[in-house]
Amino acid sequence: MLTGCSGVGKTTTAQELLQRETNYIVMDADILYNIMPHETEEDLLDWVEHIMEFSLTIM
């Protein structure tokens, strides 16, 4: 999992890892965040729960 503030090198790190590793799944949480409602704290908690459930299904 890569996380961090803007400009710290997440994209560069991800690109380097993709070149080195062959057994991986790429998930972009921003895509899910953008299609799900996120106006309240409950919405945010639902989003986190969906990400966790999805992650468990692909392990």
PDB file of N, CA and C in Angstrom:
ATOM      1  N   MET A   1       0.856  -1.165   0.000  1.00  0.00           N
ATOM      2  CA  MET A   1       0.000   0.000   0.000  1.00  0.00           C
ATOM      3  C   MET A   1       0.901   1.226   0.000  1.00  0.00           C
ATOM      4  N   LEU A   2       0.622   2.134  -0.908  1.00  0.00           N
ATOM      5  CA  LEU A   2       1.353   3.401  -0.949  1.00  0.00           C
ATOM      6  C   LEU A   2       0.412   4.518  -0.540  1.00  0.00           C
ATOM      7  N   THR A   3       0.866   5.338   0.351  1.00  0.00           N
ATOM      8  CA  THR A   3       0.063   6.472   0.795  1.00  0.00           C
ATOM      9  C   THR A   3       1.010   7.600   1.169  1.00  0.00           C
ATOM     10  N   GLY A   4       0.496   8.802   1.147  1.00  0.00           N
ATOM     11  CA  GLY A   4       1.318   9.942   1.522  1.00  0.00           C
ATOM     12  C   GLY A   4       0.809  11.225   0.901  1.00  0.00           C
ATOM     13  N   CYS A   5       1.411  12.297   1.297  1.00  0.00           N
ATOM     14  CA  CYS A   5       1.034  13.627   0.809  1.00  0.00           C
ATOM     15  C   CYS A   5       1.415  13.791  -0.653  1.00  0.00           C
ATOM     16  N   SER A   6       0.840  14.802  -1.276  1.00  0.00           N
ATOM     17  CA  SER A   6       1.175  15.120  -2.666  1.00  0.00           C
ATOM     18  C   SER A   6       2.664  15.431  -2.796  1.00  0.00           C
ATOM     19  N   GLY A   7       3.244  14.899  -3.862  1.00  0.00           N
ATOM     20  CA  GLY A   7       4.621  15.231  -4.175  1.00  0.00           C
ATOM     21  C   GLY A   7       5.697  14.419  -3.471  1.00  0.00           C
ATOM     22  N   VAL A   8       5.320  13.394  -2.703  1.00  0.00           N
ATOM     23  CA  VAL A   8       6.339  12.636  -1.972  1.00  0.00           C
ATOM     24  C   VAL A   8       6.919  11.472  -2.775  1.00  0.00           C
ATOM     25  N   GLY A   9       6.343  11.199  -3.960  1.00  0.00           N
ATOM     26  CA  GLY A   9       6.892  10.154  -4.814  1.00  0.00           C
ATOM     27  C   GLY A   9       6.088   8.871  -4.892  1.00  0.00           C
ATOM     28  N   LYS A  10       4.822   8.917  -4.577  1.00  0.00           N
ATOM     29  CA  LYS A  10       4.000   7.704  -4.633  1.00  0.00           C
ATOM     30  C   LYS A  10       3.945   7.128  -6.043  1.00  0.00           C
ATOM     31  N   THR A  11       3.709   7.966  -7.028  1.00  0.00           N
ATOM     32  CA  THR A  11       3.618   7.499  -8.409  1.00  0.00           C
ATOM     33  C   THR A  11       4.951   6.940  -8.880  1.00  0.00           C
ATOM     34  N   THR A  12       6.026   7.624  -8.591  1.00  0.00           N
ATOM     35  CA  THR A  12       7.361   7.151  -8.976  1.00  0.00           C
ATOM     36  C   THR A  12       7.658   5.809  -8.320  1.00  0.00           C
ATOM     37  N   THR A  13       7.334   5.680  -7.056  1.00  0.00           N
ATOM     38  CA  THR A  13       7.557   4.419  -6.337  1.00  0.00           C
ATOM     39  C   THR A  13       6.711   3.306  -6.934  1.00  0.00           C
ATOM     40  N   ALA A  14       5.450   3.589  -7.214  1.00  0.00           N
ATOM     41  CA  ALA A  14       4.560   2.586  -7.801  1.00  0.00           C
ATOM     42  C   ALA A  14       5.091   2.124  -9.159  1.00  0.00           C
ATOM     43  N   GLN A  15       5.553   3.051  -9.973  1.00  0.00           N
ATOM     44  CA  GLN A  15       6.094   2.688 -11.279  1.00  0.00           C
ATOM     45  C   GLN A  15       7.327   1.807 -11.140  1.00  0.00           C
ATOM     46  N   GLU A  16       8.169   2.098 -10.192  1.00  0.00           N
ATOM     47  CA  GLU A  16       9.364   1.285  -9.955  1.00  0.00           C
ATOM     48  C   GLU A  16       8.973  -0.113  -9.466  1.00  0.00           C
ATOM     49  N   LEU A  17       8.014  -0.191  -8.564  1.00  0.00           N
ATOM     50  CA  LEU A  17       7.570  -1.494  -8.062  1.00  0.00           C
ATOM     51  C   LEU A  17       6.948  -2.329  -9.170  1.00  0.00           C
ATOM     52  N   LEU A  18       6.187  -1.706 -10.063  1.00  0.00           N
ATOM     53  CA  LEU A  18       5.571  -2.438 -11.165  1.00  0.00           C
ATOM     54  C   LEU A  18       6.621  -3.046 -12.088  1.00  0.00           C
ATOM     55  N   GLN A  19       7.770  -2.419 -12.217  1.00  0.00           N
ATOM     56  CA  GLN A  19       8.841  -2.949 -13.051  1.00  0.00           C
ATOM     57  C   GLN A  19       9.571  -4.107 -12.372  1.00  0.00           C
ATOM     58  N   ARG A  20       9.585  -4.113 -11.052  1.00  0.00           N
ATOM     59  CA  ARG A  20      10.334  -5.134 -10.315  1.00  0.00           C
ATOM     60  C   ARG A  20       9.491  -6.352  -9.960  1.00  0.00           C
ATOM     61  N   GLU A  21       8.228  -6.172  -9.699  1.00  0.00           N
ATOM     62  CA  GLU A  21       7.359  -7.225  -9.180  1.00  0.00           C
ATOM     63  C   GLU A  21       6.416  -7.705 -10.273  1.00  0.00           C
ATOM     64  N   THR A  22       6.118  -9.004 -10.277  1.00  0.00           N
ATOM     65  CA  THR A  22       5.188  -9.539 -11.278  1.00  0.00           C
ATOM     66  C   THR A  22       3.890 -10.052 -10.662  1.00  0.00           C
ATOM     67  N   ASN A  23       3.868 -10.235  -9.367  1.00  0.00           N
ATOM     68  CA  ASN A  23       2.686 -10.771  -8.704  1.00  0.00           C
ATOM     69  C   ASN A  23       2.041  -9.659  -7.882  1.00  0.00           C
ATOM     70  N   TYR A  24       1.135  -8.920  -8.501  1.00  0.00           N
ATOM     71  CA  TYR A  24       0.546  -7.780  -7.815  1.00  0.00           C
ATOM     72  C   TYR A  24      -0.849  -7.469  -8.358  1.00  0.00           C
ATOM     73  N   ILE A  25      -1.580  -6.718  -7.623  1.00  0.00           N
ATOM     74  CA  ILE A  25      -2.872  -6.176  -8.033  1.00  0.00           C
ATOM     75  C   ILE A  25      -2.821  -4.689  -7.759  1.00  0.00           C
ATOM     76  N   VAL A  26      -3.178  -3.898  -8.750  1.00  0.00           N
ATOM     77  CA  VAL A  26      -3.193  -2.454  -8.590  1.00  0.00           C
ATOM     78  C   VAL A  26      -4.618  -2.019  -8.304  1.00  0.00           C
ATOM     79  N   MET A  27      -4.783  -1.306  -7.216  1.00  0.00           N
ATOM     80  CA  MET A  27      -6.082  -0.748  -6.853  1.00  0.00           C
ATOM     81  C   MET A  27      -5.895   0.745  -6.610  1.00  0.00           C
ATOM     82  N   ASP A  28      -6.726   1.527  -7.227  1.00  0.00           N
ATOM     83  CA  ASP A  28      -6.664   2.967  -7.035  1.00  0.00           C
ATOM     84  C   ASP A  28      -7.880   3.389  -6.223  1.00  0.00           C
ATOM     85  N   ALA A  29      -7.673   3.682  -4.949  1.00  0.00           N
ATOM     86  CA  ALA A  29      -8.777   4.043  -4.063  1.00  0.00           C
ATOM     87  C   ALA A  29      -9.436   5.348  -4.486  1.00  0.00           C
ATOM     88  N   ASP A  30      -8.703   6.218  -5.174  1.00  0.00           N
ATOM     89  CA  ASP A  30      -9.297   7.480  -5.630  1.00  0.00           C
ATOM     90  C   ASP A  30     -10.459   7.251  -6.568  1.00  0.00           C
ATOM     91  N   ILE A  31     -10.362   6.239  -7.407  1.00  0.00           N
ATOM     92  CA  ILE A  31     -11.461   5.944  -8.336  1.00  0.00           C
ATOM     93  C   ILE A  31     -12.723   5.614  -7.549  1.00  0.00           C
ATOM     94  N   LEU A  32     -12.595   4.739  -6.566  1.00  0.00           N
ATOM     95  CA  LEU A  32     -13.769   4.387  -5.759  1.00  0.00           C
ATOM     96  C   LEU A  32     -14.260   5.579  -4.952  1.00  0.00           C
ATOM     97  N   TYR A  33     -13.335   6.375  -4.468  1.00  0.00           N
ATOM     98  CA  TYR A  33     -13.710   7.550  -3.684  1.00  0.00           C
ATOM     99  C   TYR A  33     -14.519   8.523  -4.542  1.00  0.00           C
ATOM    100  N   ASN A  34     -14.131   8.682  -5.792  1.00  0.00           N
ATOM    101  CA  ASN A  34     -14.804   9.635  -6.665  1.00  0.00           C
ATOM    102  C   ASN A  34     -16.196   9.193  -7.088  1.00  0.00           C
ATOM    103  N   ILE A  35     -16.475   7.877  -7.085  1.00  0.00           N
ATOM    104  CA  ILE A  35     -17.799   7.430  -7.501  1.00  0.00           C
ATOM    105  C   ILE A  35     -18.744   7.194  -6.324  1.00  0.00           C
ATOM    106  N   MET A  36     -18.227   7.199  -5.119  1.00  0.00           N
ATOM    107  CA  MET A  36     -19.065   6.986  -3.941  1.00  0.00           C
ATOM    108  C   MET A  36     -19.335   8.321  -3.255  1.00  0.00           C
ATOM    109  N   PRO A  37     -20.522   8.455  -2.652  1.00  0.00           N
ATOM    110  CA  PRO A  37     -20.789   9.689  -1.904  1.00  0.00           C
ATOM    111  C   PRO A  37     -19.806   9.839  -0.749  1.00  0.00           C
ATOM    112  N   HIS A  38     -19.393  11.051  -0.475  1.00  0.00           N
ATOM    113  CA  HIS A  38     -18.437  11.270   0.610  1.00  0.00           C
ATOM    114  C   HIS A  38     -18.642  12.650   1.238  1.00  0.00           C
ATOM    115  N   GLU A  39     -19.883  12.913   1.589  1.00  0.00           N
ATOM    116  CA  GLU A  39     -20.209  14.210   2.178  1.00  0.00           C
ATOM    117  C   GLU A  39     -20.220  14.203   3.699  1.00  0.00           C
ATOM    118  N   THR A  40     -20.368  13.028   4.286  1.00  0.00           N
ATOM    119  CA  THR A  40     -20.431  12.937   5.743  1.00  0.00           C
ATOM    120  C   THR A  40     -19.362  11.970   6.246  1.00  0.00           C
ATOM    121  N   GLU A  41     -19.150  11.986   7.544  1.00  0.00           N
ATOM    122  CA  GLU A  41     -18.209  11.049   8.146  1.00  0.00           C
ATOM    123  C   GLU A  41     -18.688   9.614   7.948  1.00  0.00           C
ATOM    124  N   GLU A  42     -19.998   9.400   7.997  1.00  0.00           N
ATOM    125  CA  GLU A  42     -20.552   8.059   7.769  1.00  0.00           C
ATOM    126  C   GLU A  42     -20.251   7.587   6.343  1.00  0.00           C
ATOM    127  N   ASP A  43     -20.349   8.507   5.365  1.00  0.00           N
ATOM    128  CA  ASP A  43     -19.995   8.164   3.986  1.00  0.00           C
ATOM    129  C   ASP A  43     -18.541   7.720   3.900  1.00  0.00           C
ATOM    130  N   LEU A  44     -17.661   8.436   4.587  1.00  0.00           N
ATOM    131  CA  LEU A  44     -16.239   8.095   4.572  1.00  0.00           C
ATOM    132  C   LEU A  44     -16.003   6.724   5.199  1.00  0.00           C
ATOM    133  N   LEU A  45     -16.667   6.450   6.295  1.00  0.00           N
ATOM    134  CA  LEU A  45     -16.522   5.144   6.943  1.00  0.00           C
ATOM    135  C   LEU A  45     -17.039   4.034   6.033  1.00  0.00           C
ATOM    136  N   ASP A  46     -18.149   4.277   5.327  1.00  0.00           N
ATOM    137  CA  ASP A  46     -18.671   3.303   4.369  1.00  0.00           C
ATOM    138  C   ASP A  46     -17.650   3.041   3.260  1.00  0.00           C
ATOM    139  N   TRP A  47     -16.997   4.111   2.793  1.00  0.00           N
ATOM    140  CA  TRP A  47     -15.996   3.988   1.739  1.00  0.00           C
ATOM    141  C   TRP A  47     -14.839   3.109   2.214  1.00  0.00           C
ATOM    142  N   VAL A  48     -14.364   3.363   3.418  1.00  0.00           N
ATOM    143  CA  VAL A  48     -13.272   2.564   3.978  1.00  0.00           C
ATOM    144  C   VAL A  48     -13.703   1.102   4.097  1.00  0.00           C
ATOM    145  N   GLU A  49     -14.919   0.871   4.547  1.00  0.00           N
ATOM    146  CA  GLU A  49     -15.423  -0.497   4.687  1.00  0.00           C
ATOM    147  C   GLU A  49     -15.472  -1.198   3.323  1.00  0.00           C
ATOM    148  N   HIS A  50     -15.924  -0.496   2.299  1.00  0.00           N
ATOM    149  CA  HIS A  50     -15.970  -1.083   0.958  1.00  0.00           C
ATOM    150  C   HIS A  50     -14.564  -1.437   0.456  1.00  0.00           C
ATOM    151  N   ILE A  51     -13.620  -0.554   0.690  1.00  0.00           N
ATOM    152  CA  ILE A  51     -12.238  -0.820   0.273  1.00  0.00           C
ATOM    153  C   ILE A  51     -11.713  -2.067   0.988  1.00  0.00           C
ATOM    154  N   MET A  52     -11.954  -2.164   2.271  1.00  0.00           N
ATOM    155  CA  MET A  52     -11.473  -3.310   3.039  1.00  0.00           C
ATOM    156  C   MET A  52     -12.129  -4.605   2.566  1.00  0.00           C
ATOM    157  N   GLU A  53     -13.450  -4.581   2.345  1.00  0.00           N
ATOM    158  CA  GLU A  53     -14.152  -5.779   1.877  1.00  0.00           C
ATOM    159  C   GLU A  53     -13.627  -6.216   0.506  1.00  0.00           C
ATOM    160  N   PHE A  54     -13.440  -5.256  -0.373  1.00  0.00           N
ATOM    161  CA  PHE A  54     -12.935  -5.575  -1.705  1.00  0.00           C
ATOM    162  C   PHE A  54     -11.529  -6.162  -1.615  1.00  0.00           C
ATOM    163  N   SER A  55     -10.705  -5.579  -0.777  1.00  0.00           N
ATOM    164  CA  SER A  55      -9.329  -6.060  -0.609  1.00  0.00           C
ATOM    165  C   SER A  55      -9.316  -7.508  -0.126  1.00  0.00           C
ATOM    166  N   LEU A  56     -10.208  -7.834   0.775  1.00  0.00           N
ATOM    167  CA  LEU A  56     -10.249  -9.201   1.307  1.00  0.00           C
ATOM    168  C   LEU A  56     -10.653 -10.213   0.241  1.00  0.00           C
ATOM    169  N   THR A  57     -11.493  -9.794  -0.708  1.00  0.00           N
ATOM    170  CA  THR A  57     -11.956 -10.742  -1.741  1.00  0.00           C
ATOM    171  C   THR A  57     -10.880 -11.082  -2.745  1.00  0.00           C
ATOM    172  N   ILE A  58      -9.856 -10.234  -2.875  1.00  0.00           N
ATOM    173  CA  ILE A  58      -8.822 -10.512  -3.872  1.00  0.00           C
ATOM    174  C   ILE A  58      -7.572 -11.117  -3.265  1.00  0.00           C
ATOM    175  N   MET A  59      -7.553 -11.355  -1.987  1.00  0.00           N
ATOM    176  CA  MET A  59      -6.367 -11.939  -1.343  1.00  0.00           C
ATOM    177  C   MET A  59      -6.370 -13.444  -1.511  1.00  0.00           C
TER     178      MET A  59
END
